[in-house]
Protein backbone atom coordinates (compact mmCIF):
# COMPACT_ATOMS: atom_id res chain seq x y z
CA MET A 1 7.83 139.64 72.87
CA THR A 2 8.63 140.39 69.25
CA THR A 3 11.47 142.73 70.27
CA THR A 4 13.00 140.17 72.69
CA ALA A 5 12.95 137.44 70.08
CA ALA A 6 14.64 139.76 67.61
CA VAL A 7 17.42 140.53 70.15
CA ILE A 8 18.02 136.84 70.86
CA ALA A 9 18.11 135.99 67.18
CA GLY A 10 20.60 138.80 66.55
CA ALA A 11 22.89 137.61 69.38
CA GLY A 12 22.85 134.06 68.07
CA TYR A 13 23.78 135.22 64.62
CA ALA A 14 26.66 137.26 66.01
CA VAL A 15 28.02 134.31 68.01
CA GLN A 16 27.82 131.96 65.04
CA THR A 17 29.52 134.48 62.78
CA GLY A 18 32.34 135.04 65.32
CA SER A 19 32.92 131.32 65.76
CA SER A 20 33.17 130.83 62.04
CA LEU A 21 35.73 133.61 61.77
CA LEU A 22 37.86 132.18 64.66
CA ALA A 23 37.75 128.70 63.14
CA ALA A 24 38.83 130.06 59.79
CA ARG A 25 41.76 131.92 61.38
CA ALA A 26 42.81 128.80 63.36
CA ALA A 27 42.75 126.71 60.19
CA ASP A 28 44.94 129.24 58.44
CA ALA A 29 47.56 129.26 61.37
CA PRO A 30 50.55 126.73 61.01
CA PRO A 31 50.51 123.70 63.42
CA PRO A 32 52.92 123.89 66.48
CA ASP A 33 56.22 121.99 66.39
CA PRO A 34 56.11 118.57 68.16
CA ALA A 35 57.66 118.48 71.68
CA PRO A 36 61.27 117.16 71.68
CA LEU A 37 61.78 113.60 72.95
CA ILE A 38 63.36 113.23 76.38
CA ALA A 39 66.85 111.76 76.18
CA VAL A 40 67.60 108.91 78.63
CA SER A 41 70.56 106.65 79.29
CA VAL A 42 69.86 102.92 79.17
CA ARG A 43 71.75 99.83 80.33
CA MET A 44 71.57 96.36 78.84
CA LEU A 45 70.50 93.94 81.57
CA ALA A 46 72.91 91.00 81.87
CA GLU A 47 71.95 87.89 83.81
CA GLU A 48 74.33 86.77 86.56
CA GLN A 49 74.64 83.27 88.00
CA GLY A 50 75.06 84.48 91.58
CA TYR A 51 76.20 87.29 93.80
CA SER A 52 78.75 87.85 96.55
CA VAL A 53 77.88 88.94 100.06
CA PRO A 54 80.53 90.54 102.31
CA ARG A 55 80.37 89.35 105.91
CA SER A 56 82.16 90.53 109.02
CA PHE A 57 82.80 88.73 112.32
CA VAL A 58 84.23 90.28 115.48
CA GLY A 59 87.31 88.71 117.05
CA GLN A 60 90.17 89.58 119.36
CA VAL A 61 93.95 89.88 119.10
CA GLU A 62 95.64 87.30 121.32
CA PRO A 63 99.21 86.13 121.92
CA ARG A 64 100.14 82.71 120.62
CA LYS A 65 101.38 81.71 124.07
CA THR A 66 100.49 82.89 127.57
CA VAL A 67 102.25 81.36 130.58
CA ALA A 68 101.74 81.89 134.31
CA LEU A 69 105.14 81.26 135.89
CA SER A 70 105.43 79.67 139.34
CA PHE A 71 107.95 77.67 141.36
CA GLU A 72 107.54 73.92 141.42
CA LEU A 73 108.70 73.72 145.03
CA ALA A 74 107.74 75.77 148.06
CA GLY A 75 110.23 78.21 149.54
CA ARG A 76 110.97 81.83 150.39
CA LEU A 77 110.95 84.21 147.44
CA ASP A 78 114.28 86.01 147.24
CA ALA A 79 113.63 88.44 144.35
CA VAL A 80 111.48 89.11 141.28
CA LEU A 81 113.73 90.62 138.61
CA VAL A 82 111.09 91.89 136.17
CA ASP A 83 108.14 94.24 136.29
CA GLU A 84 104.89 94.57 134.37
CA GLY A 85 105.47 95.64 130.78
CA ASP A 86 109.11 94.51 130.70
CA THR A 87 110.40 92.75 127.59
CA VAL A 88 112.16 89.46 128.27
CA GLN A 89 114.24 87.11 126.17
CA GLN A 90 114.01 83.34 126.18
CA GLY A 91 116.15 81.96 129.04
CA GLN A 92 116.28 85.26 130.93
CA LEU A 93 116.14 84.95 134.73
CA ILE A 94 112.72 86.09 135.99
CA ALA A 95 112.77 85.30 139.74
CA ARG A 96 114.68 83.24 142.27
CA GLN A 97 114.07 81.63 145.65
CA ASP A 98 116.30 81.82 148.71
CA ILE A 99 118.75 78.88 148.46
CA ASP A 100 120.79 79.24 151.65
CA LEU A 101 119.30 76.09 153.17
CA LEU A 102 119.91 74.14 149.97
CA ARG A 103 123.54 75.25 149.85
CA ALA A 104 124.05 74.27 153.48
CA ASP A 105 122.48 70.86 152.84
CA ARG A 106 124.67 70.33 149.80
CA THR A 107 127.79 71.17 151.83
CA ARG A 108 126.71 68.69 154.52
CA GLN A 109 126.14 65.95 151.93
CA GLN A 110 129.53 66.57 150.36
CA ALA A 111 131.22 66.30 153.78
CA ALA A 112 129.35 63.07 154.49
CA ARG A 113 130.48 61.65 151.17
CA LYS A 114 134.13 62.39 151.97
CA ALA A 115 133.76 60.64 155.32
CA VAL A 116 132.22 57.57 153.73
CA GLU A 117 134.90 57.59 151.04
CA ALA A 118 137.57 57.42 153.79
CA GLN A 119 135.73 54.53 155.44
CA LEU A 120 135.40 52.79 152.09
CA ALA A 121 139.15 53.04 151.47
CA PHE A 122 139.81 51.35 154.80
CA ALA A 123 137.17 48.71 154.07
CA LEU A 124 138.80 47.88 150.74
CA GLN A 125 142.15 47.36 152.48
CA THR A 126 140.47 45.16 155.08
CA VAL A 127 138.98 42.96 152.37
CA GLU A 128 142.38 42.54 150.73
CA ARG A 129 144.04 41.58 154.03
CA SER A 130 141.22 39.19 154.93
CA GLU A 131 141.54 37.44 151.58
CA ALA A 132 145.31 37.07 152.02
CA LEU A 133 144.97 35.72 155.58
CA ARG A 134 142.26 33.30 154.54
CA ASP A 135 144.39 31.94 151.71
CA ARG A 136 147.22 31.32 154.21
CA GLY A 137 144.81 29.79 156.72
CA PHE A 138 145.13 32.52 159.37
CA ALA A 139 141.55 33.97 158.94
CA SER A 140 138.12 32.47 158.59
CA GLN A 141 135.74 32.85 155.66
CA GLU A 142 133.30 34.58 158.00
CA ARG A 143 135.76 37.40 158.64
CA LEU A 144 136.23 37.89 154.90
CA ASP A 145 132.48 37.94 154.33
CA GLN A 146 132.06 40.54 157.04
CA SER A 147 134.73 42.76 155.45
CA MET A 148 133.05 42.47 152.05
CA ALA A 149 129.64 43.34 153.53
CA THR A 150 131.11 46.47 155.13
CA ARG A 151 132.61 47.44 151.76
CA ASP A 152 129.31 46.96 149.96
CA GLU A 153 127.43 48.94 152.59
CA LEU A 154 129.78 51.89 152.23
CA ASN A 155 129.39 51.81 148.41
CA ALA A 156 125.63 51.92 148.86
CA ARG A 157 125.92 54.87 151.23
CA ILE A 158 128.00 56.77 148.66
CA SER A 159 125.33 56.08 146.01
CA GLU A 160 122.69 57.35 148.44
CA ILE A 161 124.67 60.53 149.10
CA ASP A 162 125.17 61.04 145.35
CA ALA A 163 121.41 60.76 144.85
CA ALA A 164 120.85 63.33 147.59
CA LEU A 165 123.35 65.69 145.93
CA THR A 166 121.57 65.26 142.60
CA SER A 167 118.23 66.05 144.28
CA ILE A 168 119.72 69.21 145.81
CA ASP A 169 121.12 70.29 142.42
CA ILE A 170 117.66 69.84 140.90
CA GLN A 171 116.12 71.91 143.67
CA LEU A 172 118.73 74.61 143.09
CA GLN A 173 117.78 74.69 139.41
CA LYS A 174 114.08 74.79 140.23
CA ALA A 175 114.69 77.69 142.62
CA GLN A 176 115.11 79.91 139.54
CA LEU A 177 112.45 80.91 137.00
CA PHE A 178 113.47 81.60 133.41
CA ALA A 179 111.50 83.10 130.53
CA PRO A 180 110.21 80.23 128.35
CA PHE A 181 110.16 82.40 125.20
CA ASP A 182 110.62 85.97 123.96
CA GLY A 183 107.76 88.02 125.35
CA ARG A 184 106.55 90.67 127.75
CA ILE A 185 105.44 90.60 131.35
CA THR A 186 101.71 91.30 131.64
CA ARG A 187 101.21 90.71 135.38
CA ARG A 188 103.37 90.60 138.49
CA VAL A 189 101.78 89.19 141.62
CA LEU A 190 104.56 89.13 144.25
CA ASP A 191 107.43 91.46 145.08
CA GLY A 192 109.94 89.30 146.97
CA GLY A 193 110.52 88.15 150.53
CA GLU A 194 107.26 86.20 150.76
CA ALA A 195 107.00 82.50 151.45
CA VAL A 196 105.50 80.99 148.31
CA GLY A 197 103.83 77.65 147.89
CA ALA A 198 104.35 75.21 145.09
CA GLY A 199 102.45 76.37 141.99
CA GLN A 200 101.72 79.87 143.32
CA VAL A 201 101.73 82.30 140.37
CA LEU A 202 104.41 84.99 140.42
CA VAL A 203 104.25 86.60 136.98
CA GLU A 204 102.50 86.11 133.65
CA VAL A 205 104.36 86.39 130.36
CA VAL A 206 102.94 86.52 126.83
CA GLU A 207 104.71 85.83 123.58
CA THR A 208 105.34 88.94 121.48
CA GLY A 209 105.99 87.28 118.14
CA VAL A 210 103.29 86.73 115.55
CA PRO A 211 99.91 87.39 117.23
CA GLN A 212 96.80 85.31 116.69
CA ILE A 213 93.24 86.38 116.08
CA ARG A 214 90.48 84.40 117.81
CA VAL A 215 87.08 84.57 116.10
CA GLY A 216 83.83 82.76 116.81
CA LEU A 217 82.14 81.71 113.57
CA PRO A 218 78.65 80.34 112.89
CA LEU A 219 78.31 76.71 111.90
CA SER A 220 77.33 77.71 108.36
CA ILE A 221 80.89 78.92 107.63
CA ASP A 222 82.88 76.34 105.70
CA GLU A 223 86.55 75.89 106.55
CA GLY A 224 87.50 76.14 102.89
CA SER A 225 86.16 79.71 102.67
CA LEU A 226 88.68 80.86 105.31
CA ALA A 227 91.74 80.32 103.12
CA THR A 228 91.55 83.82 101.61
CA ALA A 229 90.25 85.68 104.65
CA ARG A 230 91.38 89.15 105.62
CA ILE A 231 91.36 90.67 109.08
CA ARG A 232 90.97 94.36 109.86
CA VAL A 233 92.54 95.74 113.03
CA ASN A 234 92.38 99.41 113.93
CA GLY A 235 91.48 100.38 110.36
CA THR A 236 94.25 98.33 108.70
CA SER A 237 93.50 95.20 106.70
CA TYR A 238 95.90 92.24 106.97
CA ALA A 239 96.15 89.00 105.03
CA ALA A 240 95.35 86.15 107.42
CA SER A 241 96.21 82.46 107.37
CA LEU A 242 94.08 79.93 109.20
CA ALA A 243 96.09 78.37 112.05
CA SER A 244 93.41 76.07 113.42
CA PHE A 245 89.66 75.56 113.26
CA ARG A 246 88.29 73.84 116.33
CA PRO A 247 85.76 71.07 115.68
CA ASP A 248 83.77 71.63 118.88
CA VAL A 249 80.99 74.16 119.42
CA ASP A 250 81.12 76.75 122.18
CA PRO A 251 78.19 75.91 124.49
CA VAL A 252 77.48 79.58 125.21
CA THR A 253 77.82 81.30 121.83
CA ARG A 254 77.07 78.20 119.72
CA THR A 255 79.98 79.09 117.43
CA ARG A 256 83.15 77.36 116.33
CA THR A 257 86.46 78.98 117.21
CA ALA A 258 88.93 79.82 114.45
CA LEU A 259 92.48 81.01 115.08
CA PHE A 260 94.30 83.07 112.45
CA ASP A 261 97.90 84.18 112.09
CA ILE A 262 98.62 87.62 110.65
CA GLU A 263 101.83 89.40 109.72
CA ALA A 264 101.78 92.95 111.07
CA ASP A 265 104.53 95.50 110.44
CA THR A 266 103.82 97.18 113.77
CA PRO A 267 103.04 95.37 117.04
CA LEU A 268 99.34 94.96 117.76
CA ALA A 269 97.88 95.67 121.16
CA LEU A 270 96.81 92.39 122.69
CA GLY A 271 93.12 92.29 123.45
CA GLN A 272 92.03 94.85 120.87
CA THR A 273 89.11 94.14 118.59
CA ALA A 274 89.64 92.60 115.18
CA ARG A 275 87.18 91.94 112.35
CA LEU A 276 87.31 88.93 110.07
CA GLU A 277 86.16 89.91 106.57
CA LEU A 278 84.75 87.16 104.37
CA THR A 279 82.98 87.10 101.04
CA SER A 280 80.27 84.47 100.56
CA THR A 281 78.94 83.55 97.13
CA VAL A 282 75.21 82.83 96.71
CA SER A 283 74.28 80.81 93.62
CA GLU A 284 71.06 82.40 92.38
CA ARG A 285 70.29 83.86 88.99
CA GLY A 286 69.55 87.55 88.72
CA THR A 287 70.97 90.89 87.66
CA TRP A 288 72.46 93.95 89.34
CA VAL A 289 70.65 97.28 89.00
CA PRO A 290 71.32 100.68 90.63
CA LEU A 291 69.04 101.55 93.51
CA ARG A 292 68.14 104.81 91.80
CA SER A 293 66.59 102.81 88.96
CA LEU A 294 64.05 101.09 91.21
CA LYS A 295 60.57 102.49 91.71
CA GLU A 296 58.04 101.35 94.25
CA GLY A 297 54.89 100.01 92.62
CA ASP A 298 51.53 98.86 93.88
CA LYS A 299 51.34 96.77 97.08
CA GLY A 300 55.02 97.24 97.82
CA GLN A 301 56.16 95.70 94.56
CA TRP A 302 59.36 97.04 93.01
CA THR A 303 59.52 97.95 89.34
CA LEU A 304 62.00 99.03 86.70
CA LEU A 305 61.36 101.23 83.71
CA VAL A 306 62.59 99.64 80.51
CA VAL A 307 62.55 100.70 76.88
CA ASP A 308 61.12 98.41 74.18
CA ALA A 309 62.22 98.10 70.57
CA GLU A 310 60.23 101.25 69.60
CA ASN A 311 61.84 103.26 72.42
CA VAL A 312 58.59 103.31 74.37
CA VAL A 313 58.78 103.27 78.16
CA ARG A 314 57.41 100.09 79.75
CA ARG A 315 57.23 98.75 83.29
CA ALA A 316 58.93 95.55 84.48
CA SER A 317 58.22 94.06 87.92
CA VAL A 318 61.23 92.73 89.86
CA LEU A 319 61.94 90.85 93.05
CA VAL A 320 64.76 92.28 95.16
CA ILE A 321 67.00 89.43 96.38
CA HIS A 322 69.88 91.38 97.92
CA ALA A 323 70.75 95.05 98.26
CA THR A 324 73.84 97.07 99.11
CA SER A 325 74.24 100.78 99.71
CA ASP A 326 74.02 101.67 96.01
CA LYS A 327 72.73 98.65 94.04
CA ALA A 328 70.33 95.74 94.23
CA TYR A 329 70.39 92.17 92.93
CA VAL A 330 66.96 91.49 91.42
CA GLN A 331 65.05 88.80 89.56
CA GLY A 332 62.48 89.37 86.83
CA SER A 333 61.20 88.17 83.47
CA PHE A 334 63.62 89.99 81.20
CA PRO A 335 63.89 88.90 77.58
CA PRO A 336 67.40 89.02 76.09
CA GLY A 337 68.43 92.55 75.13
CA THR A 338 66.18 94.30 77.66
CA ARG A 339 67.21 97.91 78.13
CA MET A 340 66.73 99.51 81.54
CA ILE A 341 66.54 103.27 82.01
CA GLU A 342 69.73 104.00 83.92
CA GLU A 343 69.43 107.74 84.55
CA GLY A 344 66.34 109.82 85.21
CA PRO A 345 63.49 107.28 85.37
CA GLN A 346 61.48 109.86 87.29
CA ARG A 347 61.45 112.14 84.22
CA VAL A 348 59.42 109.79 82.04
CA THR A 349 56.06 108.08 82.22
CA LEU A 350 54.67 104.79 80.96
CA GLY A 351 53.92 104.76 77.24
CA GLN A 352 56.14 107.73 76.53
CA THR A 353 58.48 107.59 73.57
CA VAL A 354 62.02 108.57 74.51
CA GLN A 355 65.33 109.17 72.82
CA ILE A 356 68.30 106.93 73.69
CA ALA A 357 71.17 109.21 74.68
CA GLU A 358 73.65 106.55 75.76
CA THR A 359 73.76 102.78 76.09
CA LEU A 360 75.90 101.58 78.99
């Protein structure tokens, strides 16, 4: 027992002596240099009174005018002089009906008028003779009245024939279809030789001038916001002017229809998709911050890392109001002069003192 106790006492003395020597050496060693402060870039948070939201609505390129051409009167179609895709000028002949019967009728009416004119000339002479004989007492008043009635009847028949000739001339005019404006033929229904009824469509023509864009807009869109609209077609953006904004609501889409005029250097394909680009302003106080500066906190709350007056990292909770692909519009309790860590918030921790490398 005595030997064991002596061994334990000796070991304890050795440990105590060694510890004293190590402590003395540590006290004599110089202290390590302090770790360098992490440099961060900060941005002064500036309060905004609102933010802008880009919005896009799908529409369609349409011609300003589309007309289905047809004859007003029935008849046999003689020829259609245009084909689908053809360009036509205003007043150009599009199609015509067979007018042989009309020409024959007009010739008959002209011959009848000449015959009545000859009868009228004789009737006028008869009236003159009857008046002379009556004045001399060789003819009765009844004979004169009969001559005058014959004259008046023949004048009426000439007026009737003239009306018939005018009707035939109108039918001859209506037997031809002319382009109502500069445009292109989009559809041809008949080829020629068929008997067509009144109002039966032959061809369709669309105007090829300034196209229009038809867009259905929600009721929340104000007409005043459409004054500076732009329309994108096939990757190209065009300045657009509002042509009309219908007051009624489409019963199917529950939208209001807006028509826009655009000036395009190259012709646009009718029917292709167009996009109306608008910018709406939302009046709500907040500030813009980069998405990379946001950190997700507890319970889904978003936070920013800010730097106080002593360059110590602090946390600030924010409410995200609107976000784009690279930035967010947020609200929070930010005192004036708050500095947000712009670059590298993941490199620092709360309570850490940092060095300001740059203030943006």
